[in-house]
Amino acid sequence: MKKSLLAISLLVLGVVGLQAADPATIIKTKCQACHGPNMEKQALGKSKVVNTLDSAKIKNDLMGYKAGKLNQYGLGATMWGQIKPLSDEEIDALAKYIPTLKK
């Protein structure tokens, strides 16, 4: 019985751990310090304003940073650390959500 309960607990924890964070939370915890809460700022005065980019460009760039192969505006090392922990699903959600923040 104890083994079954332990197995079920571990399974539940694993599933909860696999759930993707919503894009607004990701922006609040990972992005807004440099890009602003609505992704309306140039990061360190160097990058493009992210909310003006289309979803395909955002996704392509984020996947490039995740792979450690993109280094736009000399901000690669910073972006690599921020993006690497994100899942492909979270990146896809960000790419769709960020353009909606344009005011």
PDB file of N, CA and C in Angstrom:
ATOM      1  N   MET A   1       0.822  -1.203   0.000  1.00  0.00           N
ATOM      2  CA  MET A   1       0.000   0.000   0.000  1.00  0.00           C
ATOM      3  C   MET A   1       0.859   1.257   0.000  1.00  0.00           C
ATOM      4  N   LYS A   2       1.904   1.269   0.842  1.00  0.00           N
ATOM      5  CA  LYS A   2       2.766   2.441   0.919  1.00  0.00           C
ATOM      6  C   LYS A   2       3.480   2.683  -0.412  1.00  0.00           C
ATOM      7  N   LYS A   3       3.906   1.587  -1.064  1.00  0.00           N
ATOM      8  CA  LYS A   3       4.582   1.725  -2.349  1.00  0.00           C
ATOM      9  C   LYS A   3       3.641   2.304  -3.396  1.00  0.00           C
ATOM     10  N   SER A   4       2.390   1.873  -3.387  1.00  0.00           N
ATOM     11  CA  SER A   4       1.403   2.389  -4.338  1.00  0.00           C
ATOM     12  C   SER A   4       1.144   3.868  -4.104  1.00  0.00           C
ATOM     13  N   LEU A   5       1.016   4.254  -2.844  1.00  0.00           N
ATOM     14  CA  LEU A   5       0.783   5.658  -2.508  1.00  0.00           C
ATOM     15  C   LEU A   5       1.971   6.505  -2.917  1.00  0.00           C
ATOM     16  N   LEU A   6       3.164   6.015  -2.679  1.00  0.00           N
ATOM     17  CA  LEU A   6       4.375   6.724  -3.071  1.00  0.00           C
ATOM     18  C   LEU A   6       4.426   6.869  -4.588  1.00  0.00           C
ATOM     19  N   ALA A   7       4.131   5.818  -5.314  1.00  0.00           N
ATOM     20  CA  ALA A   7       4.160   5.861  -6.778  1.00  0.00           C
ATOM     21  C   ALA A   7       3.154   6.867  -7.314  1.00  0.00           C
ATOM     22  N   ILE A   8       1.965   6.876  -6.745  1.00  0.00           N
ATOM     23  CA  ILE A   8       0.934   7.829  -7.180  1.00  0.00           C
ATOM     24  C   ILE A   8       1.364   9.251  -6.869  1.00  0.00           C
ATOM     25  N   SER A   9       1.935   9.478  -5.698  1.00  0.00           N
ATOM     26  CA  SER A   9       2.405  10.815  -5.318  1.00  0.00           C
ATOM     27  C   SER A   9       3.476  11.312  -6.273  1.00  0.00           C
ATOM     28  N   LEU A  10       4.420  10.452  -6.598  1.00  0.00           N
ATOM     29  CA  LEU A  10       5.484  10.833  -7.528  1.00  0.00           C
ATOM     30  C   LEU A  10       4.929  11.120  -8.915  1.00  0.00           C
ATOM     31  N   LEU A  11       3.955  10.349  -9.345  1.00  0.00           N
ATOM     32  CA  LEU A  11       3.338  10.569 -10.645  1.00  0.00           C
ATOM     33  C   LEU A  11       2.635  11.923 -10.677  1.00  0.00           C
ATOM     34  N   VAL A  12       1.885  12.231  -9.633  1.00  0.00           N
ATOM     35  CA  VAL A  12       1.179  13.517  -9.563  1.00  0.00           C
ATOM     36  C   VAL A  12       2.177  14.659  -9.561  1.00  0.00           C
ATOM     37  N   LEU A  13       3.227  14.547  -8.775  1.00  0.00           N
ATOM     38  CA  LEU A  13       4.247  15.601  -8.738  1.00  0.00           C
ATOM     39  C   LEU A  13       4.907  15.761 -10.098  1.00  0.00           C
ATOM     40  N   GLY A  14       5.161  14.665 -10.777  1.00  0.00           N
ATOM     41  CA  GLY A  14       5.761  14.737 -12.106  1.00  0.00           C
ATOM     42  C   GLY A  14       4.867  15.440 -13.092  1.00  0.00           C
ATOM     43  N   VAL A  15       3.586  15.146 -13.067  1.00  0.00           N
ATOM     44  CA  VAL A  15       2.636  15.777 -13.985  1.00  0.00           C
ATOM     45  C   VAL A  15       2.520  17.263 -13.674  1.00  0.00           C
ATOM     46  N   VAL A  16       2.439  17.617 -12.396  1.00  0.00           N
ATOM     47  CA  VAL A  16       2.361  19.035 -12.022  1.00  0.00           C
ATOM     48  C   VAL A  16       3.618  19.756 -12.480  1.00  0.00           C
ATOM     49  N   GLY A  17       4.764  19.127 -12.333  1.00  0.00           N
ATOM     50  CA  GLY A  17       6.019  19.744 -12.741  1.00  0.00           C
ATOM     51  C   GLY A  17       6.120  19.947 -14.240  1.00  0.00           C
ATOM     52  N   LEU A  18       5.365  19.161 -15.009  1.00  0.00           N
ATOM     53  CA  LEU A  18       5.415  19.271 -16.457  1.00  0.00           C
ATOM     54  C   LEU A  18       4.476  20.330 -17.012  1.00  0.00           C
ATOM     55  N   GLN A  19       3.590  20.852 -16.192  1.00  0.00           N
ATOM     56  CA  GLN A  19       2.650  21.845 -16.674  1.00  0.00           C
ATOM     57  C   GLN A  19       3.388  23.128 -17.023  1.00  0.00           C
ATOM     58  N   ALA A  20       3.065  23.679 -18.158  1.00  0.00           N
ATOM     59  CA  ALA A  20       3.718  24.896 -18.619  1.00  0.00           C
ATOM     60  C   ALA A  20       3.180  26.104 -17.866  1.00  0.00           C
ATOM     61  N   ALA A  21       4.071  27.039 -17.595  1.00  0.00           N
ATOM     62  CA  ALA A  21       3.659  28.300 -16.987  1.00  0.00           C
ATOM     63  C   ALA A  21       2.962  29.145 -18.047  1.00  0.00           C
ATOM     64  N   ASP A  22       2.020  29.966 -17.602  1.00  0.00           N
ATOM     65  CA  ASP A  22       1.336  30.809 -18.574  1.00  0.00           C
ATOM     66  C   ASP A  22       2.264  31.945 -18.996  1.00  0.00           C
ATOM     67  N   PRO A  23       2.072  32.492 -20.199  1.00  0.00           N
ATOM     68  CA  PRO A  23       2.996  33.495 -20.721  1.00  0.00           C
ATOM     69  C   PRO A  23       3.094  34.757 -19.861  1.00  0.00           C
ATOM     70  N   ALA A  24       1.996  35.187 -19.263  1.00  0.00           N
ATOM     71  CA  ALA A  24       2.038  36.392 -18.427  1.00  0.00           C
ATOM     72  C   ALA A  24       2.954  36.184 -17.225  1.00  0.00           C
ATOM     73  N   THR A  25       2.926  35.006 -16.649  1.00  0.00           N
ATOM     74  CA  THR A  25       3.797  34.698 -15.513  1.00  0.00           C
ATOM     75  C   THR A  25       5.254  34.635 -15.954  1.00  0.00           C
ATOM     76  N   ILE A  26       5.497  34.032 -17.096  1.00  0.00           N
ATOM     77  CA  ILE A  26       6.874  33.962 -17.612  1.00  0.00           C
ATOM     78  C   ILE A  26       7.412  35.371 -17.837  1.00  0.00           C
ATOM     79  N   ILE A  27       6.616  36.223 -18.441  1.00  0.00           N
ATOM     80  CA  ILE A  27       7.060  37.597 -18.691  1.00  0.00           C
ATOM     81  C   ILE A  27       7.362  38.294 -17.371  1.00  0.00           C
ATOM     82  N   LYS A  28       6.486  38.128 -16.402  1.00  0.00           N
ATOM     83  CA  LYS A  28       6.671  38.794 -15.104  1.00  0.00           C
ATOM     84  C   LYS A  28       7.944  38.323 -14.409  1.00  0.00           C
ATOM     85  N   THR A  29       8.246  37.029 -14.497  1.00  0.00           N
ATOM     86  CA  THR A  29       9.387  36.482 -13.765  1.00  0.00           C
ATOM     87  C   THR A  29      10.696  36.483 -14.545  1.00  0.00           C
ATOM     88  N   LYS A  30      10.628  36.486 -15.869  1.00  0.00           N
ATOM     89  CA  LYS A  30      11.852  36.351 -16.648  1.00  0.00           C
ATOM     90  C   LYS A  30      12.157  37.518 -17.591  1.00  0.00           C
ATOM     91  N   CYS A  31      11.146  38.239 -18.027  1.00  0.00           N
ATOM     92  CA  CYS A  31      11.340  39.172 -19.142  1.00  0.00           C
ATOM     93  C   CYS A  31      11.223  40.650 -18.782  1.00  0.00           C
ATOM     94  N   GLN A  32      10.299  40.970 -17.889  1.00  0.00           N
ATOM     95  CA  GLN A  32       9.939  42.373 -17.724  1.00  0.00           C
ATOM     96  C   GLN A  32      11.059  43.248 -17.173  1.00  0.00           C
ATOM     97  N   ALA A  33      12.011  42.704 -16.464  1.00  0.00           N
ATOM     98  CA  ALA A  33      13.095  43.530 -15.933  1.00  0.00           C
ATOM     99  C   ALA A  33      13.844  44.240 -17.067  1.00  0.00           C
ATOM    100  N   CYS A  34      14.014  43.585 -18.185  1.00  0.00           N
ATOM    101  CA  CYS A  34      14.717  44.182 -19.319  1.00  0.00           C
ATOM    102  C   CYS A  34      13.778  44.689 -20.408  1.00  0.00           C
ATOM    103  N   HIS A  35      12.692  43.965 -20.664  1.00  0.00           N
ATOM    104  CA  HIS A  35      11.799  44.278 -21.785  1.00  0.00           C
ATOM    105  C   HIS A  35      10.539  45.050 -21.392  1.00  0.00           C
ATOM    106  N   GLY A  36      10.289  45.223 -20.089  1.00  0.00           N
ATOM    107  CA  GLY A  36       9.090  45.912 -19.631  1.00  0.00           C
ATOM    108  C   GLY A  36       7.927  44.950 -19.492  1.00  0.00           C
ATOM    109  N   PRO A  37       6.912  45.322 -18.688  1.00  0.00           N
ATOM    110  CA  PRO A  37       5.789  44.416 -18.425  1.00  0.00           C
ATOM    111  C   PRO A  37       4.950  44.089 -19.654  1.00  0.00           C
ATOM    112  N   ASN A  38       4.966  44.960 -20.643  1.00  0.00           N
ATOM    113  CA  ASN A  38       4.237  44.714 -21.885  1.00  0.00           C
ATOM    114  C   ASN A  38       5.184  44.462 -23.046  1.00  0.00           C
ATOM    115  N   MET A  39       6.429  44.115 -22.705  1.00  0.00           N
ATOM    116  CA  MET A  39       7.459  43.846 -23.715  1.00  0.00           C
ATOM    117  C   MET A  39       7.632  45.047 -24.644  1.00  0.00           C
ATOM    118  N   GLU A  40       7.512  46.257 -24.062  1.00  0.00           N
ATOM    119  CA  GLU A  40       7.498  47.506 -24.825  1.00  0.00           C
ATOM    120  C   GLU A  40       8.832  48.236 -24.833  1.00  0.00           C
ATOM    121  N   LYS A  41       9.857  47.691 -24.205  1.00  0.00           N
ATOM    122  CA  LYS A  41      11.153  48.369 -24.100  1.00  0.00           C
ATOM    123  C   LYS A  41      12.230  47.630 -24.874  1.00  0.00           C
ATOM    124  N   GLN A  42      13.225  48.393 -25.289  1.00  0.00           N
ATOM    125  CA  GLN A  42      14.422  47.787 -25.856  1.00  0.00           C
ATOM    126  C   GLN A  42      15.253  47.287 -24.681  1.00  0.00           C
ATOM    127  N   ALA A  43      15.602  46.030 -24.660  1.00  0.00           N
ATOM    128  CA  ALA A  43      16.417  45.487 -23.572  1.00  0.00           C
ATOM    129  C   ALA A  43      17.773  46.166 -23.561  1.00  0.00           C
ATOM    130  N   LEU A  44      18.108  46.765 -22.431  1.00  0.00           N
ATOM    131  CA  LEU A  44      19.373  47.485 -22.248  1.00  0.00           C
ATOM    132  C   LEU A  44      19.612  48.526 -23.349  1.00  0.00           C
ATOM    133  N   GLY A  45      18.532  49.014 -23.927  1.00  0.00           N
ATOM    134  CA  GLY A  45      18.621  50.014 -24.982  1.00  0.00           C
ATOM    135  C   GLY A  45      19.201  49.483 -26.283  1.00  0.00           C
ATOM    136  N   LYS A  46      19.245  48.166 -26.433  1.00  0.00           N
ATOM    137  CA  LYS A  46      19.890  47.560 -27.603  1.00  0.00           C
ATOM    138  C   LYS A  46      18.940  46.784 -28.508  1.00  0.00           C
ATOM    139  N   SER A  47      18.021  46.035 -27.936  1.00  0.00           N
ATOM    140  CA  SER A  47      17.205  45.117 -28.730  1.00  0.00           C
ATOM    141  C   SER A  47      16.051  45.839 -29.414  1.00  0.00           C
ATOM    142  N   LYS A  48      15.358  45.105 -30.246  1.00  0.00           N
ATOM    143  CA  LYS A  48      14.115  45.615 -30.812  1.00  0.00           C
ATOM    144  C   LYS A  48      13.043  45.551 -29.733  1.00  0.00           C
ATOM    145  N   VAL A  49      11.974  46.308 -29.913  1.00  0.00           N
ATOM    146  CA  VAL A  49      10.827  46.207 -29.017  1.00  0.00           C
ATOM    147  C   VAL A  49      10.102  44.921 -29.394  1.00  0.00           C
ATOM    148  N   VAL A  50      10.090  43.980 -28.491  1.00  0.00           N
ATOM    149  CA  VAL A  50       9.637  42.627 -28.803  1.00  0.00           C
ATOM    150  C   VAL A  50       8.157  42.578 -29.189  1.00  0.00           C
ATOM    151  N   ASN A  51       7.320  43.408 -28.562  1.00  0.00           N
ATOM    152  CA  ASN A  51       5.889  43.303 -28.870  1.00  0.00           C
ATOM    153  C   ASN A  51       5.535  43.836 -30.255  1.00  0.00           C
ATOM    154  N   THR A  52       6.508  44.364 -30.984  1.00  0.00           N
ATOM    155  CA  THR A  52       6.266  44.798 -32.365  1.00  0.00           C
ATOM    156  C   THR A  52       6.599  43.698 -33.375  1.00  0.00           C
ATOM    157  N   LEU A  53       7.186  42.604 -32.899  1.00  0.00           N
ATOM    158  CA  LEU A  53       7.566  41.506 -33.780  1.00  0.00           C
ATOM    159  C   LEU A  53       6.396  40.539 -33.944  1.00  0.00           C
ATOM    160  N   ASP A  54       6.381  39.810 -35.063  1.00  0.00           N
ATOM    161  CA  ASP A  54       5.307  38.836 -35.247  1.00  0.00           C
ATOM    162  C   ASP A  54       5.654  37.531 -34.516  1.00  0.00           C
ATOM    163  N   SER A  55       4.649  36.702 -34.341  1.00  0.00           N
ATOM    164  CA  SER A  55       4.806  35.455 -33.576  1.00  0.00           C
ATOM    165  C   SER A  55       5.902  34.558 -34.131  1.00  0.00           C
ATOM    166  N   ALA A  56       5.985  34.450 -35.442  1.00  0.00           N
ATOM    167  CA  ALA A  56       6.987  33.572 -36.053  1.00  0.00           C
ATOM    168  C   ALA A  56       8.403  34.049 -35.731  1.00  0.00           C
ATOM    169  N   LYS A  57       8.648  35.346 -35.806  1.00  0.00           N
ATOM    170  CA  LYS A  57       9.972  35.903 -35.496  1.00  0.00           C
ATOM    171  C   LYS A  57      10.304  35.692 -34.023  1.00  0.00           C
ATOM    172  N   ILE A  58       9.336  35.942 -33.147  1.00  0.00           N
ATOM    173  CA  ILE A  58       9.572  35.754 -31.717  1.00  0.00           C
ATOM    174  C   ILE A  58       9.923  34.298 -31.428  1.00  0.00           C
ATOM    175  N   LYS A  59       9.137  33.379 -31.971  1.00  0.00           N
ATOM    176  CA  LYS A  59       9.396  31.961 -31.723  1.00  0.00           C
ATOM    177  C   LYS A  59      10.754  31.540 -32.269  1.00  0.00           C
ATOM    178  N   ASN A  60      11.072  31.956 -33.477  1.00  0.00           N
ATOM    179  CA  ASN A  60      12.357  31.615 -34.082  1.00  0.00           C
ATOM    180  C   ASN A  60      13.515  32.132 -33.229  1.00  0.00           C
ATOM    181  N   ASP A  61      13.406  33.381 -32.790  1.00  0.00           N
ATOM    182  CA  ASP A  61      14.469  33.958 -31.964  1.00  0.00           C
ATOM    183  C   ASP A  61      14.594  33.226 -30.630  1.00  0.00           C
ATOM    184  N   LEU A  62      13.470  32.970 -29.971  1.00  0.00           N
ATOM    185  CA  LEU A  62      13.523  32.290 -28.677  1.00  0.00           C
ATOM    186  C   LEU A  62      14.098  30.880 -28.814  1.00  0.00           C
ATOM    187  N   MET A  63      13.750  30.189 -29.871  1.00  0.00           N
ATOM    188  CA  MET A  63      14.315  28.850 -30.088  1.00  0.00           C
ATOM    189  C   MET A  63      15.823  28.943 -30.357  1.00  0.00           C
ATOM    190  N   GLY A  64      16.255  29.983 -31.065  1.00  0.00           N
ATOM    191  CA  GLY A  64      17.685  30.195 -31.300  1.00  0.00           C
ATOM    192  C   GLY A  64      18.437  30.469 -30.004  1.00  0.00           C
ATOM    193  N   TYR A  65      17.840  31.276 -29.136  1.00  0.00           N
ATOM    194  CA  TYR A  65      18.455  31.525 -27.822  1.00  0.00           C
ATOM    195  C   TYR A  65      18.476  30.251 -26.987  1.00  0.00           C
ATOM    196  N   LYS A  66      17.384  29.497 -27.007  1.00  0.00           N
ATOM    197  CA  LYS A  66      17.326  28.253 -26.229  1.00  0.00           C
ATOM    198  C   LYS A  66      18.426  27.289 -26.672  1.00  0.00           C
ATOM    199  N   ALA A  67      18.688  27.239 -27.966  1.00  0.00           N
ATOM    200  CA  ALA A  67      19.727  26.358 -28.503  1.00  0.00           C
ATOM    201  C   ALA A  67      21.135  26.917 -28.262  1.00  0.00           C
ATOM    202  N   GLY A  68      21.216  28.167 -27.788  1.00  0.00           N
ATOM    203  CA  GLY A  68      22.518  28.789 -27.541  1.00  0.00           C
ATOM    204  C   GLY A  68      23.220  29.229 -28.805  1.00  0.00           C
ATOM    205  N   LYS A  69      22.453  29.407 -29.890  1.00  0.00           N
ATOM    206  CA  LYS A  69      23.049  29.740 -31.180  1.00  0.00           C
ATOM    207  C   LYS A  69      22.798  31.182 -31.610  1.00  0.00           C
ATOM    208  N   LEU A  70      21.933  31.888 -30.916  1.00  0.00           N
ATOM    209  CA  LEU A  70      21.595  33.253 -31.312  1.00  0.00           C
ATOM    210  C   LEU A  70      22.226  34.232 -30.327  1.00  0.00           C
ATOM    211  N   ASN A  71      22.797  35.308 -30.867  1.00  0.00           N
ATOM    212  CA  ASN A  71      23.430  36.324 -30.032  1.00  0.00           C
ATOM    213  C   ASN A  71      23.174  37.698 -30.643  1.00  0.00           C
ATOM    214  N   GLN A  72      21.908  38.089 -30.676  1.00  0.00           N
ATOM    215  CA  GLN A  72      21.565  39.394 -31.247  1.00  0.00           C
ATOM    216  C   GLN A  72      21.930  40.510 -30.271  1.00  0.00           C
ATOM    217  N   TYR A  73      22.479  41.574 -30.799  1.00  0.00           N
ATOM    218  CA  TYR A  73      22.790  42.784 -30.031  1.00  0.00           C
ATOM    219  C   TYR A  73      23.746  42.503 -28.871  1.00  0.00           C
ATOM    220  N   GLY A  74      24.476  41.400 -28.910  1.00  0.00           N
ATOM    221  CA  GLY A  74      25.396  41.043 -27.844  1.00  0.00           C
ATOM    222  C   GLY A  74      24.706  40.604 -26.560  1.00  0.00           C
ATOM    223  N   LEU A  75      23.423  40.266 -26.655  1.00  0.00           N
ATOM    224  CA  LEU A  75      22.656  39.890 -25.468  1.00  0.00           C
ATOM    225  C   LEU A  75      22.454  38.377 -25.352  1.00  0.00           C
ATOM    226  N   GLY A  76      23.181  37.633 -26.160  1.00  0.00           N
ATOM    227  CA  GLY A  76      22.994  36.183 -26.190  1.00  0.00           C
ATOM    228  C   GLY A  76      23.156  35.513 -24.842  1.00  0.00           C
ATOM    229  N   ALA A  77      24.236  35.781 -24.142  1.00  0.00           N
ATOM    230  CA  ALA A  77      24.496  35.097 -22.871  1.00  0.00           C
ATOM    231  C   ALA A  77      23.368  35.333 -21.872  1.00  0.00           C
ATOM    232  N   THR A  78      22.845  36.539 -21.838  1.00  0.00           N
ATOM    233  CA  THR A  78      21.733  36.851 -20.938  1.00  0.00           C
ATOM    234  C   THR A  78      20.493  36.074 -21.355  1.00  0.00           C
ATOM    235  N   MET A  79      20.191  36.109 -22.635  1.00  0.00           N
ATOM    236  CA  MET A  79      18.994  35.438 -23.134  1.00  0.00           C
ATOM    237  C   MET A  79      19.107  33.919 -23.024  1.00  0.00           C
ATOM    238  N   TRP A  80      20.289  33.372 -23.253  1.00  0.00           N
ATOM    239  CA  TRP A  80      20.455  31.922 -23.154  1.00  0.00           C
ATOM    240  C   TRP A  80      20.040  31.438 -21.774  1.00  0.00           C
ATOM    241  N   GLY A  81      20.480  32.135 -20.739  1.00  0.00           N
ATOM    242  CA  GLY A  81      20.152  31.745 -19.373  1.00  0.00           C
ATOM    243  C   GLY A  81      18.674  31.883 -19.053  1.00  0.00           C
ATOM    244  N   GLN A  82      18.037  32.888 -19.636  1.00  0.00           N
ATOM    245  CA  GLN A  82      16.623  33.120 -19.371  1.00  0.00           C
ATOM    246  C   GLN A  82      15.731  32.115 -20.106  1.00  0.00           C
ATOM    247  N   ILE A  83      16.096  31.769 -21.323  1.00  0.00           N
ATOM    248  CA  ILE A  83      15.232  30.961 -22.183  1.00  0.00           C
ATOM    249  C   ILE A  83      15.470  29.462 -22.045  1.00  0.00           C
ATOM    250  N   LYS A  84      16.679  29.055 -21.757  1.00  0.00           N
ATOM    251  CA  LYS A  84      17.006  27.621 -21.728  1.00  0.00           C
ATOM    252  C   LYS A  84      16.037  26.783 -20.891  1.00  0.00           C
ATOM    253  N   PRO A  85      15.592  27.244 -19.711  1.00  0.00           N
ATOM    254  CA  PRO A  85      14.686  26.394 -18.917  1.00  0.00           C
ATOM    255  C   PRO A  85      13.260  26.288 -19.459  1.00  0.00           C
ATOM    256  N   LEU A  86      12.905  27.117 -20.430  1.00  0.00           N
ATOM    257  CA  LEU A  86      11.531  27.104 -20.937  1.00  0.00           C
ATOM    258  C   LEU A  86      11.295  25.907 -21.865  1.00  0.00           C
ATOM    259  N   SER A  87      10.115  25.356 -21.780  1.00  0.00           N
ATOM    260  CA  SER A  87       9.741  24.265 -22.681  1.00  0.00           C
ATOM    261  C   SER A  87       9.373  24.837 -24.053  1.00  0.00           C
ATOM    262  N   ASP A  88       9.332  23.983 -25.039  1.00  0.00           N
ATOM    263  CA  ASP A  88       8.912  24.410 -26.371  1.00  0.00           C
ATOM    264  C   ASP A  88       7.479  24.939 -26.335  1.00  0.00           C
ATOM    265  N   GLU A  89       6.642  24.338 -25.497  1.00  0.00           N
ATOM    266  CA  GLU A  89       5.253  24.781 -25.365  1.00  0.00           C
ATOM    267  C   GLU A  89       5.181  26.191 -24.767  1.00  0.00           C
ATOM    268  N   GLU A  90       6.030  26.462 -23.779  1.00  0.00           N
ATOM    269  CA  GLU A  90       6.062  27.798 -23.179  1.00  0.00           C
ATOM    270  C   GLU A  90       6.556  28.834 -24.187  1.00  0.00           C
ATOM    271  N   ILE A  91       7.540  28.472 -24.979  1.00  0.00           N
ATOM    272  CA  ILE A  91       8.048  29.374 -26.016  1.00  0.00           C
ATOM    273  C   ILE A  91       6.960  29.649 -27.044  1.00  0.00           C
ATOM    274  N   ASP A  92       6.246  28.615 -27.452  1.00  0.00           N
ATOM    275  CA  ASP A  92       5.153  28.786 -28.404  1.00  0.00           C
ATOM    276  C   ASP A  92       4.078  29.718 -27.833  1.00  0.00           C
ATOM    277  N   ALA A  93       3.736  29.522 -26.573  1.00  0.00           N
ATOM    278  CA  ALA A  93       2.730  30.369 -25.924  1.00  0.00           C
ATOM    279  C   ALA A  93       3.198  31.826 -25.835  1.00  0.00           C
ATOM    280  N   LEU A  94       4.468  32.032 -25.507  1.00  0.00           N
ATOM    281  CA  LEU A  94       5.017  33.388 -25.464  1.00  0.00           C
ATOM    282  C   LEU A  94       4.952  34.042 -26.839  1.00  0.00           C
ATOM    283  N   ALA A  95       5.336  33.283 -27.860  1.00  0.00           N
ATOM    284  CA  ALA A  95       5.351  33.824 -29.221  1.00  0.00           C
ATOM    285  C   ALA A  95       3.961  34.265 -29.664  1.00  0.00           C
ATOM    286  N   LYS A  96       2.947  33.575 -29.230  1.00  0.00           N
ATOM    287  CA  LYS A  96       1.575  33.955 -29.581  1.00  0.00           C
ATOM    288  C   LYS A  96       1.057  35.097 -28.715  1.00  0.00           C
ATOM    289  N   TYR A  97       1.486  35.141 -27.472  1.00  0.00           N
ATOM    290  CA  TYR A  97       0.974  36.121 -26.508  1.00  0.00           C
ATOM    291  C   TYR A  97       1.621  37.510 -26.642  1.00  0.00           C
ATOM    292  N   ILE A  98       2.914  37.556 -26.837  1.00  0.00           N
ATOM    293  CA  ILE A  98       3.638  38.843 -26.829  1.00  0.00           C
ATOM    294  C   ILE A  98       3.082  39.847 -27.836  1.00  0.00           C
ATOM    295  N   PRO A  99       2.781  39.474 -29.077  1.00  0.00           N
ATOM    296  CA  PRO A  99       2.229  40.481 -30.006  1.00  0.00           C
ATOM    297  C   PRO A  99       0.897  41.086 -29.558  1.00  0.00           C
ATOM    298  N   THR A 100       0.176  40.394 -28.689  1.00  0.00           N
ATOM    299  CA  THR A 100      -1.107  40.933 -28.202  1.00  0.00           C
ATOM    300  C   THR A 100      -0.905  42.058 -27.191  1.00  0.00           C
ATOM    301  N   LEU A 101       0.329  42.237 -26.728  1.00  0.00           N
ATOM    302  CA  LEU A 101       0.618  43.271 -25.717  1.00  0.00           C
ATOM    303  C   LEU A 101       0.869  44.641 -26.345  1.00  0.00           C
ATOM    304  N   LYS A 102       0.972  44.679 -27.657  1.00  0.00           N
ATOM    305  CA  LYS A 102       1.234  45.942 -28.354  1.00  0.00           C
ATOM    306  C   LYS A 102       0.097  46.907 -28.122  1.00  0.00           C
ATOM    307  N   LYS A 103       0.440  48.118 -27.765  1.00  0.00           N
ATOM    308  CA  LYS A 103      -0.588  49.137 -27.498  1.00  0.00           C
ATOM    309  C   LYS A 103      -0.540  50.230 -28.546  1.00  0.00           C
TER     310      LYS A 103
END
